[in-house]
Amino acid sequence: MANTVTIGRLTFTSPSNLAYNGGAKTRNYTLSGTIAPTGANGLDVAEAKYIRDELVSMANYDIVYPFTYTGDTTISAYVKVESADVNIDRFFGSGIKYNVSLNFLGNPG
């Protein structure tokens, strides 16, 4: 089973790349991957569009979201979505490519 990323109430299959960087004053996560509608019993186009719209919407607001990644239990935090880039080549086949930048605000608890 694939690992998942959860930002707020939005959960989707794990990214192909998760980068973590930080400095004296900031820490950031960058996620990139593909949301691939598979049809049949998998993710359908409507769900993929919903994820696309939510990612872009989250970047428009100054809201703090809980963030978790099931692939590494040490990665959980409160974040703000700084930017979300979404590119659609084709819904089926190529899927929806995304690149999301998260500003790390603190650990849970």
C-alpha atoms as a PDB file:
ATOM      1  CA  MET A   1       0.000   0.000   0.000  1.00  0.00           C
ATOM      2  CA  ALA A   2       1.267   3.455  -0.887  1.00  0.00           C
ATOM      3  CA  ASN A   3       2.114   5.982   1.779  1.00  0.00           C
ATOM      4  CA  THR A   4      -0.033   9.078   2.052  1.00  0.00           C
ATOM      5  CA  VAL A   5       0.360  12.777   2.725  1.00  0.00           C
ATOM      6  CA  THR A   6      -2.277  14.606   4.746  1.00  0.00           C
ATOM      7  CA  ILE A   7      -2.543  18.390   4.780  1.00  0.00           C
ATOM      8  CA  GLY A   8      -5.491  19.444   6.901  1.00  0.00           C
ATOM      9  CA  ARG A   9      -8.361  17.160   5.851  1.00  0.00           C
ATOM     10  CA  LEU A  10      -6.891  16.501   2.393  1.00  0.00           C
ATOM     11  CA  THR A  11      -5.205  13.104   1.991  1.00  0.00           C
ATOM     12  CA  PHE A  12      -3.566  11.851  -1.185  1.00  0.00           C
ATOM     13  CA  THR A  13      -1.003   9.286  -2.299  1.00  0.00           C
ATOM     14  CA  SER A  14       2.560  10.017  -1.311  1.00  0.00           C
ATOM     15  CA  PRO A  15       4.647  12.337  -3.440  1.00  0.00           C
ATOM     16  CA  SER A  16       7.418  11.166  -5.724  1.00  0.00           C
ATOM     17  CA  ASN A  17       9.677  13.700  -4.010  1.00  0.00           C
ATOM     18  CA  LEU A  18       9.579  15.210  -0.516  1.00  0.00           C
ATOM     19  CA  ALA A  19      12.349  17.693   0.246  1.00  0.00           C
ATOM     20  CA  TYR A  20      13.003  19.211   3.657  1.00  0.00           C
ATOM     21  CA  ASN A  21      15.217  22.238   4.101  1.00  0.00           C
ATOM     22  CA  GLY A  22      15.838  24.773   6.775  1.00  0.00           C
ATOM     23  CA  GLY A  23      17.982  27.586   8.000  1.00  0.00           C
ATOM     24  CA  ALA A  24      18.322  29.810  11.018  1.00  0.00           C
ATOM     25  CA  LYS A  25      14.816  31.239  10.694  1.00  0.00           C
ATOM     26  CA  THR A  26      12.758  28.990   8.417  1.00  0.00           C
ATOM     27  CA  ARG A  27      12.090  25.345   7.649  1.00  0.00           C
ATOM     28  CA  ASN A  28      10.213  24.167   4.579  1.00  0.00           C
ATOM     29  CA  TYR A  29       8.849  21.029   2.998  1.00  0.00           C
ATOM     30  CA  THR A  30       8.498  20.764  -0.758  1.00  0.00           C
ATOM     31  CA  LEU A  31       6.295  18.036  -2.192  1.00  0.00           C
ATOM     32  CA  SER A  32       6.069  17.062  -5.822  1.00  0.00           C
ATOM     33  CA  GLY A  33       4.381  14.211  -7.558  1.00  0.00           C
ATOM     34  CA  THR A  34       1.493  13.133  -9.739  1.00  0.00           C
ATOM     35  CA  ILE A  35      -2.135  12.605  -8.871  1.00  0.00           C
ATOM     36  CA  ALA A  36      -3.098   9.909 -11.333  1.00  0.00           C
ATOM     37  CA  PRO A  37      -6.771   9.139 -11.880  1.00  0.00           C
ATOM     38  CA  THR A  38      -6.899   5.442 -12.654  1.00  0.00           C
ATOM     39  CA  GLY A  39     -10.626   5.035 -13.149  1.00  0.00           C
ATOM     40  CA  ALA A  40     -12.249   1.690 -12.344  1.00  0.00           C
ATOM     41  CA  ASN A  41     -12.014   1.245  -8.557  1.00  0.00           C
ATOM     42  CA  GLY A  42      -9.161   3.701  -8.061  1.00  0.00           C
ATOM     43  CA  LEU A  43      -9.065   7.489  -7.932  1.00  0.00           C
ATOM     44  CA  ASP A  44     -11.532   8.996 -10.379  1.00  0.00           C
ATOM     45  CA  VAL A  45     -11.255  12.275 -12.281  1.00  0.00           C
ATOM     46  CA  ALA A  46     -13.647  14.116  -9.942  1.00  0.00           C
ATOM     47  CA  GLU A  47     -11.514  13.210  -6.901  1.00  0.00           C
ATOM     48  CA  ALA A  48      -8.318  14.258  -8.699  1.00  0.00           C
ATOM     49  CA  LYS A  49      -9.896  17.614  -9.600  1.00  0.00           C
ATOM     50  CA  TYR A  50     -10.979  18.064  -5.983  1.00  0.00           C
ATOM     51  CA  ILE A  51      -7.402  17.486  -4.756  1.00  0.00           C
ATOM     52  CA  ARG A  52      -6.113  19.895  -7.409  1.00  0.00           C
ATOM     53  CA  ASP A  53      -8.580  22.605  -6.374  1.00  0.00           C
ATOM     54  CA  GLU A  54      -7.931  22.141  -2.655  1.00  0.00           C
ATOM     55  CA  LEU A  55      -4.145  22.396  -3.029  1.00  0.00           C
ATOM     56  CA  VAL A  56      -4.447  25.662  -4.946  1.00  0.00           C
ATOM     57  CA  SER A  57      -7.076  26.984  -2.532  1.00  0.00           C
ATOM     58  CA  MET A  58      -4.895  26.202   0.506  1.00  0.00           C
ATOM     59  CA  ALA A  59      -2.132  28.381  -0.945  1.00  0.00           C
ATOM     60  CA  ASN A  60      -4.525  31.342  -1.202  1.00  0.00           C
ATOM     61  CA  TYR A  61      -5.268  31.523   2.528  1.00  0.00           C
ATOM     62  CA  ASP A  62      -3.139  32.220   5.577  1.00  0.00           C
ATOM     63  CA  ILE A  63      -4.358  29.130   7.436  1.00  0.00           C
ATOM     64  CA  VAL A  64      -2.371  26.701   9.579  1.00  0.00           C
ATOM     65  CA  TYR A  65      -2.856  23.016   8.721  1.00  0.00           C
ATOM     66  CA  PRO A  66      -1.679  19.815  10.390  1.00  0.00           C
ATOM     67  CA  PHE A  67       0.654  17.857   8.104  1.00  0.00           C
ATOM     68  CA  THR A  68       1.578  14.162   8.252  1.00  0.00           C
ATOM     69  CA  TYR A  69       3.399  11.727   6.007  1.00  0.00           C
ATOM     70  CA  THR A  70       2.895   8.020   6.640  1.00  0.00           C
ATOM     71  CA  GLY A  71       6.195   7.155   4.943  1.00  0.00           C
ATOM     72  CA  ASP A  72       8.168   8.735   7.809  1.00  0.00           C
ATOM     73  CA  THR A  73       6.460   9.023  11.192  1.00  0.00           C
ATOM     74  CA  THR A  74       8.945  11.708  12.302  1.00  0.00           C
ATOM     75  CA  ILE A  75       7.509  14.054   9.686  1.00  0.00           C
ATOM     76  CA  SER A  76       4.468  15.650  11.246  1.00  0.00           C
ATOM     77  CA  ALA A  77       4.013  19.337  11.791  1.00  0.00           C
ATOM     78  CA  TYR A  78       1.816  22.361  11.561  1.00  0.00           C
ATOM     79  CA  VAL A  79       2.344  24.112   8.248  1.00  0.00           C
ATOM     80  CA  LYS A  80       1.116  26.897   6.008  1.00  0.00           C
ATOM     81  CA  VAL A  81       0.839  26.197   2.295  1.00  0.00           C
ATOM     82  CA  GLU A  82       3.080  28.834   0.711  1.00  0.00           C
ATOM     83  CA  SER A  83       2.498  27.854  -2.915  1.00  0.00           C
ATOM     84  CA  ALA A  84       0.876  25.152  -4.997  1.00  0.00           C
ATOM     85  CA  ASP A  85       1.614  24.651  -8.680  1.00  0.00           C
ATOM     86  CA  VAL A  86      -0.619  22.252 -10.570  1.00  0.00           C
ATOM     87  CA  ASN A  87      -0.064  21.167 -14.183  1.00  0.00           C
ATOM     88  CA  ILE A  88      -2.472  19.010 -16.143  1.00  0.00           C
ATOM     89  CA  ASP A  89      -1.180  17.243 -19.237  1.00  0.00           C
ATOM     90  CA  ARG A  90      -4.053  14.763 -19.439  1.00  0.00           C
ATOM     91  CA  PHE A  91      -6.242  13.484 -16.649  1.00  0.00           C
ATOM     92  CA  PHE A  92      -5.847   9.848 -17.635  1.00  0.00           C
ATOM     93  CA  GLY A  93      -2.364   8.640 -18.428  1.00  0.00           C
ATOM     94  CA  SER A  94      -0.196  11.599 -17.430  1.00  0.00           C
ATOM     95  CA  GLY A  95      -2.295  12.716 -14.494  1.00  0.00           C
ATOM     96  CA  ILE A  96      -2.077  15.963 -12.553  1.00  0.00           C
ATOM     97  CA  LYS A  97       1.452  17.005 -11.639  1.00  0.00           C
ATOM     98  CA  TYR A  98       1.820  19.102  -8.509  1.00  0.00           C
ATOM     99  CA  ASN A  99       4.505  20.971  -6.610  1.00  0.00           C
ATOM    100  CA  VAL A 100       3.593  22.244  -3.137  1.00  0.00           C
ATOM    101  CA  SER A 101       5.738  24.346  -0.822  1.00  0.00           C
ATOM    102  CA  LEU A 102       4.936  24.199   2.910  1.00  0.00           C
ATOM    103  CA  ASN A 103       6.266  26.509   5.616  1.00  0.00           C
ATOM    104  CA  PHE A 104       7.022  24.499   8.779  1.00  0.00           C
ATOM    105  CA  LEU A 105       5.572  26.267  11.833  1.00  0.00           C
ATOM    106  CA  GLY A 106       6.101  23.725  14.597  1.00  0.00           C
ATOM    107  CA  ASN A 107       5.740  20.176  15.824  1.00  0.00           C
ATOM    108  CA  PRO A 108       2.450  18.846  17.159  1.00  0.00           C
ATOM    109  CA  GLY A 109       2.080  19.002  20.905  1.00  0.00           C
END
